[in-house]
Amino acid sequence: MAFKCDNCSKSVMWGHRVSHAKNRTNHGFKPNIQKKRIEVEGKMIRVKLCTNCIKLMKKTKKKKVSEESLLPENTHSQSL
Protein backbone atom coordinates (compact mmCIF):
# COMPACT_ATOMS: atom_id res chain seq x y z
CA MET A 1 0.00 0.00 0.00
CA ALA A 2 1.47 3.31 -1.06
CA PHE A 3 1.76 5.77 1.82
CA LYS A 4 0.27 8.72 -0.04
CA CYS A 5 -3.02 10.56 0.50
CA ASP A 6 -5.14 10.82 -2.68
CA ASN A 7 -6.52 14.19 -1.54
CA CYS A 8 -3.59 16.22 -0.16
CA SER A 9 -0.65 14.11 -1.46
CA LYS A 10 0.80 13.75 2.03
CA SER A 11 3.50 11.05 1.90
CA VAL A 12 6.49 9.67 3.78
CA MET A 13 8.81 12.26 5.34
CA TRP A 14 12.41 11.28 6.00
CA GLY A 15 14.37 12.10 9.13
CA HIS A 16 16.76 10.51 11.61
CA ARG A 17 16.50 8.39 14.70
CA VAL A 18 19.04 9.70 17.19
CA SER A 19 20.47 7.49 19.95
CA HIS A 20 21.93 8.70 23.25
CA ALA A 21 25.37 8.47 21.64
CA LYS A 22 24.08 10.87 18.93
CA ASN A 23 24.29 8.19 16.24
CA ARG A 24 21.89 8.95 13.41
CA THR A 25 20.04 6.36 11.33
CA ASN A 26 17.54 7.09 8.59
CA HIS A 27 13.88 6.77 9.50
CA GLY A 28 10.74 7.30 7.43
CA PHE A 29 7.78 8.95 9.16
CA LYS A 30 4.64 7.55 7.51
CA PRO A 31 1.26 9.34 7.47
CA ASN A 32 -1.80 7.62 8.93
CA ILE A 33 -3.47 6.49 5.68
CA GLN A 34 -6.92 4.85 5.74
CA LYS A 35 -9.00 3.35 2.93
CA LYS A 36 -12.37 5.09 2.70
CA ARG A 37 -15.38 4.77 0.40
CA ILE A 38 -16.78 8.15 -0.60
CA GLU A 39 -19.46 9.29 -3.03
CA VAL A 40 -18.23 11.35 -5.98
CA GLU A 41 -20.75 12.47 -8.61
CA GLY A 42 -23.20 9.75 -7.56
CA LYS A 43 -20.65 6.92 -7.64
CA MET A 44 -19.01 5.23 -4.68
CA ILE A 45 -15.22 5.08 -5.05
CA ARG A 46 -12.51 3.78 -2.74
CA VAL A 47 -9.73 6.23 -1.94
CA LYS A 48 -6.75 6.37 0.40
CA LEU A 49 -7.01 9.38 2.72
CA CYS A 50 -4.96 10.64 5.65
CA THR A 51 -6.82 11.05 8.93
CA ASN A 52 -6.60 14.85 8.70
CA CYS A 53 -8.52 14.80 5.40
CA ILE A 54 -11.14 12.40 6.83
CA LYS A 55 -11.61 14.73 9.80
CA LEU A 56 -11.96 17.75 7.49
CA MET A 57 -14.57 15.93 5.37
CA LYS A 58 -16.63 15.12 8.47
CA LYS A 59 -16.53 18.75 9.62
CA THR A 60 -17.64 20.14 6.25
CA LYS A 61 -20.43 17.55 6.05
CA LYS A 62 -21.72 18.59 9.51
CA LYS A 63 -21.50 22.26 8.56
CA LYS A 64 -23.59 21.72 5.41
CA VAL A 65 -26.26 19.83 7.36
CA SER A 66 -26.47 22.50 10.08
CA GLU A 67 -26.76 25.31 7.50
CA GLU A 68 -29.62 23.50 5.73
CA SER A 69 -31.47 22.93 9.01
CA LEU A 70 -31.30 26.66 9.84
CA LEU A 71 -33.04 27.71 6.63
CA PRO A 72 -36.83 28.21 6.87
CA GLU A 73 -38.87 25.63 4.95
CA ASN A 74 -41.21 27.95 3.02
CA THR A 75 -38.98 30.76 1.80
CA HIS A 76 -41.06 31.35 -1.35
CA SER A 77 -44.33 32.01 0.50
CA GLN A 78 -42.69 34.56 2.81
CA SER A 79 -41.28 36.62 -0.06
CA LEU A 80 -44.68 37.01 -1.79
PDB file of N, CA and C in Angstrom:
ATOM      1  N   MET A   1       0.847  -1.180   0.000  1.00  0.00           N
ATOM      2  CA  MET A   1       0.000   0.000   0.000  1.00  0.00           C
ATOM      3  C   MET A   1       0.888   1.238   0.000  1.00  0.00           C
ATOM      4  N   ALA A   2       0.681   2.090  -0.964  1.00  0.00           N
ATOM      5  CA  ALA A   2       1.473   3.315  -1.056  1.00  0.00           C
ATOM      6  C   ALA A   2       1.063   4.269   0.058  1.00  0.00           C
ATOM      7  N   PHE A   3       2.033   4.846   0.721  1.00  0.00           N
ATOM      8  CA  PHE A   3       1.759   5.774   1.817  1.00  0.00           C
ATOM      9  C   PHE A   3       1.616   7.181   1.264  1.00  0.00           C
ATOM     10  N   LYS A   4       0.515   7.412   0.539  1.00  0.00           N
ATOM     11  CA  LYS A   4       0.266   8.725  -0.037  1.00  0.00           C
ATOM     12  C   LYS A   4      -1.232   8.995  -0.030  1.00  0.00           C
ATOM     13  N   CYS A   5      -1.616  10.159   0.451  1.00  0.00           N
ATOM     14  CA  CYS A   5      -3.019  10.559   0.500  1.00  0.00           C
ATOM     15  C   CYS A   5      -3.462  10.975  -0.903  1.00  0.00           C
ATOM     16  N   ASP A   6      -4.626  10.471  -1.350  1.00  0.00           N
ATOM     17  CA  ASP A   6      -5.135  10.824  -2.677  1.00  0.00           C
ATOM     18  C   ASP A   6      -5.642  12.261  -2.724  1.00  0.00           C
ATOM     19  N   ASN A   7      -5.962  12.846  -1.578  1.00  0.00           N
ATOM     20  CA  ASN A   7      -6.518  14.195  -1.539  1.00  0.00           C
ATOM     21  C   ASN A   7      -5.421  15.260  -1.433  1.00  0.00           C
ATOM     22  N   CYS A   8      -4.576  15.162  -0.419  1.00  0.00           N
ATOM     23  CA  CYS A   8      -3.591  16.222  -0.159  1.00  0.00           C
ATOM     24  C   CYS A   8      -2.164  15.826  -0.538  1.00  0.00           C
ATOM     25  N   SER A   9      -1.968  14.621  -1.036  1.00  0.00           N
ATOM     26  CA  SER A   9      -0.651  14.114  -1.464  1.00  0.00           C
ATOM     27  C   SER A   9       0.363  14.037  -0.330  1.00  0.00           C
ATOM     28  N   LYS A  10      -0.116  13.922   0.903  1.00  0.00           N
ATOM     29  CA  LYS A  10       0.803  13.748   2.033  1.00  0.00           C
ATOM     30  C   LYS A  10       1.454  12.374   1.900  1.00  0.00           C
ATOM     31  N   SER A  11       2.779  12.314   2.059  1.00  0.00           N
ATOM     32  CA  SER A  11       3.496  11.055   1.896  1.00  0.00           C
ATOM     33  C   SER A  11       4.583  10.940   2.961  1.00  0.00           C
ATOM     34  N   VAL A  12       5.442   9.954   2.805  1.00  0.00           N
ATOM     35  CA  VAL A  12       6.488   9.674   3.784  1.00  0.00           C
ATOM     36  C   VAL A  12       7.457  10.847   3.870  1.00  0.00           C
ATOM     37  N   MET A  13       7.786  11.245   5.104  1.00  0.00           N
ATOM     38  CA  MET A  13       8.813  12.264   5.343  1.00  0.00           C
ATOM     39  C   MET A  13      10.017  11.562   5.956  1.00  0.00           C
ATOM     40  N   TRP A  14      11.195  11.940   5.533  1.00  0.00           N
ATOM     41  CA  TRP A  14      12.405  11.284   6.004  1.00  0.00           C
ATOM     42  C   TRP A  14      13.117  12.136   7.043  1.00  0.00           C
ATOM     43  N   GLY A  15      13.624  11.441   8.064  1.00  0.00           N
ATOM     44  CA  GLY A  15      14.366  12.097   9.126  1.00  0.00           C
ATOM     45  C   GLY A  15      15.372  11.121   9.711  1.00  0.00           C
ATOM     46  N   HIS A  16      15.777  11.360  10.948  1.00  0.00           N
ATOM     47  CA  HIS A  16      16.757  10.511  11.608  1.00  0.00           C
ATOM     48  C   HIS A  16      16.238  10.047  12.960  1.00  0.00           C
ATOM     49  N   ARG A  17      16.637   8.834  13.325  1.00  0.00           N
ATOM     50  CA  ARG A  17      16.496   8.387  14.702  1.00  0.00           C
ATOM     51  C   ARG A  17      17.843   8.666  15.363  1.00  0.00           C
ATOM     52  N   VAL A  18      17.802   9.294  16.527  1.00  0.00           N
ATOM     53  CA  VAL A  18      19.038   9.705  17.189  1.00  0.00           C
ATOM     54  C   VAL A  18      19.148   8.964  18.518  1.00  0.00           C
ATOM     55  N   SER A  19      20.248   8.221  18.706  1.00  0.00           N
ATOM     56  CA  SER A  19      20.474   7.493  19.953  1.00  0.00           C
ATOM     57  C   SER A  19      21.108   8.419  20.991  1.00  0.00           C
ATOM     58  N   HIS A  20      21.284   7.908  22.194  1.00  0.00           N
ATOM     59  CA  HIS A  20      21.925   8.704  23.248  1.00  0.00           C
ATOM     60  C   HIS A  20      23.368   9.053  22.886  1.00  0.00           C
ATOM     61  N   ALA A  21      23.993   8.204  22.082  1.00  0.00           N
ATOM     62  CA  ALA A  21      25.367   8.465  21.642  1.00  0.00           C
ATOM     63  C   ALA A  21      25.397   9.393  20.424  1.00  0.00           C
ATOM     64  N   LYS A  22      24.234   9.945  20.071  1.00  0.00           N
ATOM     65  CA  LYS A  22      24.084  10.870  18.932  1.00  0.00           C
ATOM     66  C   LYS A  22      24.344  10.205  17.582  1.00  0.00           C
ATOM     67  N   ASN A  23      24.218   8.882  17.530  1.00  0.00           N
ATOM     68  CA  ASN A  23      24.293   8.190  16.240  1.00  0.00           C
ATOM     69  C   ASN A  23      22.982   8.429  15.496  1.00  0.00           C
ATOM     70  N   ARG A  24      23.083   8.671  14.199  1.00  0.00           N
ATOM     71  CA  ARG A  24      21.886   8.953  13.411  1.00  0.00           C
ATOM     72  C   ARG A  24      21.663   7.853  12.374  1.00  0.00           C
ATOM     73  N   THR A  25      20.435   7.323  12.351  1.00  0.00           N
ATOM     74  CA  THR A  25      20.042   6.362  11.326  1.00  0.00           C
ATOM     75  C   THR A  25      18.796   6.895  10.635  1.00  0.00           C
ATOM     76  N   ASN A  26      18.686   6.604   9.352  1.00  0.00           N
ATOM     77  CA  ASN A  26      17.543   7.093   8.587  1.00  0.00           C
ATOM     78  C   ASN A  26      16.245   6.453   9.079  1.00  0.00           C
ATOM     79  N   HIS A  27      15.189   7.252   9.064  1.00  0.00           N
ATOM     80  CA  HIS A  27      13.882   6.775   9.500  1.00  0.00           C
ATOM     81  C   HIS A  27      12.810   7.483   8.688  1.00  0.00           C
ATOM     82  N   GLY A  28      11.852   6.719   8.179  1.00  0.00           N
ATOM     83  CA  GLY A  28      10.740   7.302   7.426  1.00  0.00           C
ATOM     84  C   GLY A  28       9.525   7.465   8.318  1.00  0.00           C
ATOM     85  N   PHE A  29       8.980   8.672   8.378  1.00  0.00           N
ATOM     86  CA  PHE A  29       7.780   8.951   9.156  1.00  0.00           C
ATOM     87  C   PHE A  29       6.587   8.845   8.216  1.00  0.00           C
ATOM     88  N   LYS A  30       5.743   7.832   8.426  1.00  0.00           N
ATOM     89  CA  LYS A  30       4.643   7.550   7.511  1.00  0.00           C
ATOM     90  C   LYS A  30       3.356   8.206   7.996  1.00  0.00           C
ATOM     91  N   PRO A  31       2.548   8.755   7.084  1.00  0.00           N
ATOM     92  CA  PRO A  31       1.264   9.336   7.474  1.00  0.00           C
ATOM     93  C   PRO A  31       0.257   8.229   7.790  1.00  0.00           C
ATOM     94  N   ASN A  32      -0.763   8.575   8.565  1.00  0.00           N
ATOM     95  CA  ASN A  32      -1.805   7.623   8.931  1.00  0.00           C
ATOM     96  C   ASN A  32      -2.822   7.566   7.789  1.00  0.00           C
ATOM     97  N   ILE A  33      -2.631   6.617   6.872  1.00  0.00           N
ATOM     98  CA  ILE A  33      -3.467   6.488   5.678  1.00  0.00           C
ATOM     99  C   ILE A  33      -4.536   5.425   5.923  1.00  0.00           C
ATOM    100  N   GLN A  34      -5.787   5.757   5.580  1.00  0.00           N
ATOM    101  CA  GLN A  34      -6.919   4.846   5.737  1.00  0.00           C
ATOM    102  C   GLN A  34      -7.630   4.720   4.395  1.00  0.00           C
ATOM    103  N   LYS A  35      -8.172   3.526   4.120  1.00  0.00           N
ATOM    104  CA  LYS A  35      -9.000   3.346   2.926  1.00  0.00           C
ATOM    105  C   LYS A  35     -10.423   3.751   3.281  1.00  0.00           C
ATOM    106  N   LYS A  36     -11.020   4.588   2.452  1.00  0.00           N
ATOM    107  CA  LYS A  36     -12.370   5.091   2.700  1.00  0.00           C
ATOM    108  C   LYS A  36     -13.172   5.005   1.421  1.00  0.00           C
ATOM    109  N   ARG A  37     -14.470   4.720   1.545  1.00  0.00           N
ATOM    110  CA  ARG A  37     -15.379   4.768   0.404  1.00  0.00           C
ATOM    111  C   ARG A  37     -16.145   6.075   0.482  1.00  0.00           C
ATOM    112  N   ILE A  38     -16.069   6.872  -0.581  1.00  0.00           N
ATOM    113  CA  ILE A  38     -16.776   8.146  -0.603  1.00  0.00           C
ATOM    114  C   ILE A  38     -17.585   8.240  -1.895  1.00  0.00           C
ATOM    115  N   GLU A  39     -18.603   9.097  -1.867  1.00  0.00           N
ATOM    116  CA  GLU A  39     -19.459   9.286  -3.029  1.00  0.00           C
ATOM    117  C   GLU A  39     -18.969  10.499  -3.816  1.00  0.00           C
ATOM    118  N   VAL A  40     -18.667  10.282  -5.090  1.00  0.00           N
ATOM    119  CA  VAL A  40     -18.229  11.351  -5.978  1.00  0.00           C
ATOM    120  C   VAL A  40     -19.099  11.295  -7.224  1.00  0.00           C
ATOM    121  N   GLU A  41     -19.860  12.364  -7.454  1.00  0.00           N
ATOM    122  CA  GLU A  41     -20.753  12.469  -8.606  1.00  0.00           C
ATOM    123  C   GLU A  41     -21.692  11.275  -8.704  1.00  0.00           C
ATOM    124  N   GLY A  42     -22.233  10.844  -7.584  1.00  0.00           N
ATOM    125  CA  GLY A  42     -23.202   9.753  -7.559  1.00  0.00           C
ATOM    126  C   GLY A  42     -22.607   8.357  -7.570  1.00  0.00           C
ATOM    127  N   LYS A  43     -21.296   8.224  -7.634  1.00  0.00           N
ATOM    128  CA  LYS A  43     -20.648   6.918  -7.642  1.00  0.00           C
ATOM    129  C   LYS A  43     -19.821   6.753  -6.379  1.00  0.00           C
ATOM    130  N   MET A  44     -19.828   5.539  -5.835  1.00  0.00           N
ATOM    131  CA  MET A  44     -19.006   5.230  -4.676  1.00  0.00           C
ATOM    132  C   MET A  44     -17.631   4.783  -5.172  1.00  0.00           C
ATOM    133  N   ILE A  45     -16.585   5.455  -4.696  1.00  0.00           N
ATOM    134  CA  ILE A  45     -15.225   5.076  -5.055  1.00  0.00           C
ATOM    135  C   ILE A  45     -14.420   4.863  -3.781  1.00  0.00           C
ATOM    136  N   ARG A  46     -13.377   4.050  -3.886  1.00  0.00           N
ATOM    137  CA  ARG A  46     -12.507   3.783  -2.744  1.00  0.00           C
ATOM    138  C   ARG A  46     -11.236   4.598  -2.919  1.00  0.00           C
ATOM    139  N   VAL A  47     -10.914   5.388  -1.894  1.00  0.00           N
ATOM    140  CA  VAL A  47      -9.726   6.233  -1.941  1.00  0.00           C
ATOM    141  C   VAL A  47      -8.902   6.025  -0.680  1.00  0.00           C
ATOM    142  N   LYS A  48      -7.625   6.403  -0.763  1.00  0.00           N
ATOM    143  CA  LYS A  48      -6.746   6.368   0.401  1.00  0.00           C
ATOM    144  C   LYS A  48      -6.601   7.795   0.905  1.00  0.00           C
ATOM    145  N   LEU A  49      -7.039   8.041   2.145  1.00  0.00           N
ATOM    146  CA  LEU A  49      -7.015   9.384   2.716  1.00  0.00           C
ATOM    147  C   LEU A  49      -6.262   9.375   4.034  1.00  0.00           C
ATOM    148  N   CYS A  50      -5.581  10.491   4.334  1.00  0.00           N
ATOM    149  CA  CYS A  50      -4.962  10.636   5.647  1.00  0.00           C
ATOM    150  C   CYS A  50      -6.061  11.008   6.643  1.00  0.00           C
ATOM    151  N   THR A  51      -5.800  10.807   7.911  1.00  0.00           N
ATOM    152  CA  THR A  51      -6.820  11.051   8.929  1.00  0.00           C
ATOM    153  C   THR A  51      -7.184  12.523   9.023  1.00  0.00           C
ATOM    154  N   ASN A  52      -6.264  13.428   8.692  1.00  0.00           N
ATOM    155  CA  ASN A  52      -6.596  14.855   8.698  1.00  0.00           C
ATOM    156  C   ASN A  52      -7.644  15.169   7.639  1.00  0.00           C
ATOM    157  N   CYS A  53      -7.543  14.562   6.464  1.00  0.00           N
ATOM    158  CA  CYS A  53      -8.525  14.795   5.396  1.00  0.00           C
ATOM    159  C   CYS A  53      -9.880  14.198   5.763  1.00  0.00           C
ATOM    160  N   ILE A  54      -9.882  13.027   6.402  1.00  0.00           N
ATOM    161  CA  ILE A  54     -11.136  12.404   6.835  1.00  0.00           C
ATOM    162  C   ILE A  54     -11.828  13.300   7.848  1.00  0.00           C
ATOM    163  N   LYS A  55     -11.061  13.839   8.784  1.00  0.00           N
ATOM    164  CA  LYS A  55     -11.606  14.734   9.805  1.00  0.00           C
ATOM    165  C   LYS A  55     -12.192  15.991   9.165  1.00  0.00           C
ATOM    166  N   LEU A  56     -11.496  16.556   8.185  1.00  0.00           N
ATOM    167  CA  LEU A  56     -11.961  17.749   7.493  1.00  0.00           C
ATOM    168  C   LEU A  56     -13.257  17.472   6.730  1.00  0.00           C
ATOM    169  N   MET A  57     -13.352  16.295   6.098  1.00  0.00           N
ATOM    170  CA  MET A  57     -14.568  15.933   5.365  1.00  0.00           C
ATOM    171  C   MET A  57     -15.761  15.813   6.308  1.00  0.00           C
ATOM    172  N   LYS A  58     -15.544  15.241   7.494  1.00  0.00           N
ATOM    173  CA  LYS A  58     -16.631  15.117   8.471  1.00  0.00           C
ATOM    174  C   LYS A  58     -17.100  16.489   8.932  1.00  0.00           C
ATOM    175  N   LYS A  59     -16.167  17.410   9.159  1.00  0.00           N
ATOM    176  CA  LYS A  59     -16.528  18.751   9.619  1.00  0.00           C
ATOM    177  C   LYS A  59     -17.337  19.496   8.568  1.00  0.00           C
ATOM    178  N   THR A  60     -16.915  19.422   7.299  1.00  0.00           N
ATOM    179  CA  THR A  60     -17.638  20.140   6.250  1.00  0.00           C
ATOM    180  C   THR A  60     -19.011  19.528   6.026  1.00  0.00           C
ATOM    181  N   LYS A  61     -19.133  18.214   6.198  1.00  0.00           N
ATOM    182  CA  LYS A  61     -20.428  17.549   6.053  1.00  0.00           C
ATOM    183  C   LYS A  61     -21.379  18.012   7.153  1.00  0.00           C
ATOM    184  N   LYS A  62     -20.894  18.112   8.397  1.00  0.00           N
ATOM    185  CA  LYS A  62     -21.716  18.591   9.508  1.00  0.00           C
ATOM    186  C   LYS A  62     -22.134  20.037   9.287  1.00  0.00           C
ATOM    187  N   LYS A  63     -21.214  20.844   8.777  1.00  0.00           N
ATOM    188  CA  LYS A  63     -21.496  22.259   8.558  1.00  0.00           C
ATOM    189  C   LYS A  63     -22.601  22.426   7.521  1.00  0.00           C
ATOM    190  N   LYS A  64     -22.558  21.646   6.435  1.00  0.00           N
ATOM    191  CA  LYS A  64     -23.586  21.725   5.406  1.00  0.00           C
ATOM    192  C   LYS A  64     -24.947  21.341   5.969  1.00  0.00           C
ATOM    193  N   VAL A  65     -25.000  20.288   6.778  1.00  0.00           N
ATOM    194  CA  VAL A  65     -26.262  19.830   7.358  1.00  0.00           C
ATOM    195  C   VAL A  65     -26.819  20.883   8.297  1.00  0.00           C
ATOM    196  N   SER A  66     -25.983  21.500   9.122  1.00  0.00           N
ATOM    197  CA  SER A  66     -26.470  22.496  10.075  1.00  0.00           C
ATOM    198  C   SER A  66     -26.959  23.746   9.356  1.00  0.00           C
ATOM    199  N   GLU A  67     -26.307  24.148   8.260  1.00  0.00           N
ATOM    200  CA  GLU A  67     -26.760  25.315   7.503  1.00  0.00           C
ATOM    201  C   GLU A  67     -28.120  25.054   6.862  1.00  0.00           C
ATOM    202  N   GLU A  68     -28.344  23.841   6.352  1.00  0.00           N
ATOM    203  CA  GLU A  68     -29.622  23.503   5.733  1.00  0.00           C
ATOM    204  C   GLU A  68     -30.738  23.467   6.769  1.00  0.00           C
ATOM    205  N   SER A  69     -30.437  23.018   7.980  1.00  0.00           N
ATOM    206  CA  SER A  69     -31.472  22.931   9.009  1.00  0.00           C
ATOM    207  C   SER A  69     -31.860  24.313   9.531  1.00  0.00           C
ATOM    208  N   LEU A  70     -30.993  25.315   9.381  1.00  0.00           N
ATOM    209  CA  LEU A  70     -31.303  26.664   9.844  1.00  0.00           C
ATOM    210  C   LEU A  70     -32.206  27.424   8.880  1.00  0.00           C
ATOM    211  N   LEU A  71     -32.223  27.014   7.614  1.00  0.00           N
ATOM    212  CA  LEU A  71     -33.039  27.713   6.630  1.00  0.00           C
ATOM    213  C   LEU A  71     -34.523  27.439   6.873  1.00  0.00           C
ATOM    214  N   PRO A  72     -35.393  28.454   6.742  1.00  0.00           N
ATOM    215  CA  PRO A  72     -36.829  28.209   6.875  1.00  0.00           C
ATOM    216  C   PRO A  72     -37.329  27.361   5.709  1.00  0.00           C
ATOM    217  N   GLU A  73     -38.384  26.579   5.962  1.00  0.00           N
ATOM    218  CA  GLU A  73     -38.866  25.631   4.954  1.00  0.00           C
ATOM    219  C   GLU A  73     -39.566  26.331   3.793  1.00  0.00           C
ATOM    220  N   ASN A  74     -40.437  27.307   4.073  1.00  0.00           N
ATOM    221  CA  ASN A  74     -41.214  27.953   3.020  1.00  0.00           C
ATOM    222  C   ASN A  74     -40.673  29.353   2.756  1.00  0.00           C
ATOM    223  N   THR A  75     -39.565  29.445   2.086  1.00  0.00           N
ATOM    224  CA  THR A  75     -38.977  30.756   1.799  1.00  0.00           C
ATOM    225  C   THR A  75     -39.734  31.474   0.689  1.00  0.00           C
ATOM    226  N   HIS A  76     -40.346  30.734  -0.237  1.00  0.00           N
ATOM    227  CA  HIS A  76     -41.060  31.355  -1.353  1.00  0.00           C
ATOM    228  C   HIS A  76     -42.345  32.030  -0.883  1.00  0.00           C
ATOM    229  N   SER A  77     -43.067  31.431   0.053  1.00  0.00           N
ATOM    230  CA  SER A  77     -44.334  32.007   0.501  1.00  0.00           C
ATOM    231  C   SER A  77     -44.111  33.272   1.327  1.00  0.00           C
ATOM    232  N   GLN A  78     -42.965  33.383   2.002  1.00  0.00           N
ATOM    233  CA  GLN A  78     -42.694  34.565   2.807  1.00  0.00           C
ATOM    234  C   GLN A  78     -42.318  35.757   1.934  1.00  0.00           C
ATOM    235  N   SER A  79     -41.707  35.514   0.785  1.00  0.00           N
ATOM    236  CA  SER A  79     -41.279  36.624  -0.061  1.00  0.00           C
ATOM    237  C   SER A  79     -42.438  37.223  -0.859  1.00  0.00           C
ATOM    238  N   LEU A  80     -43.546  36.492  -1.021  1.00  0.00           N
ATOM    239  CA  LEU A  80     -44.684  37.006  -1.791  1.00  0.00           C
ATOM    240  C   LEU A  80     -45.486  37.905  -0.979  1.00  0.00           C
TER     241      LEU A  80
END
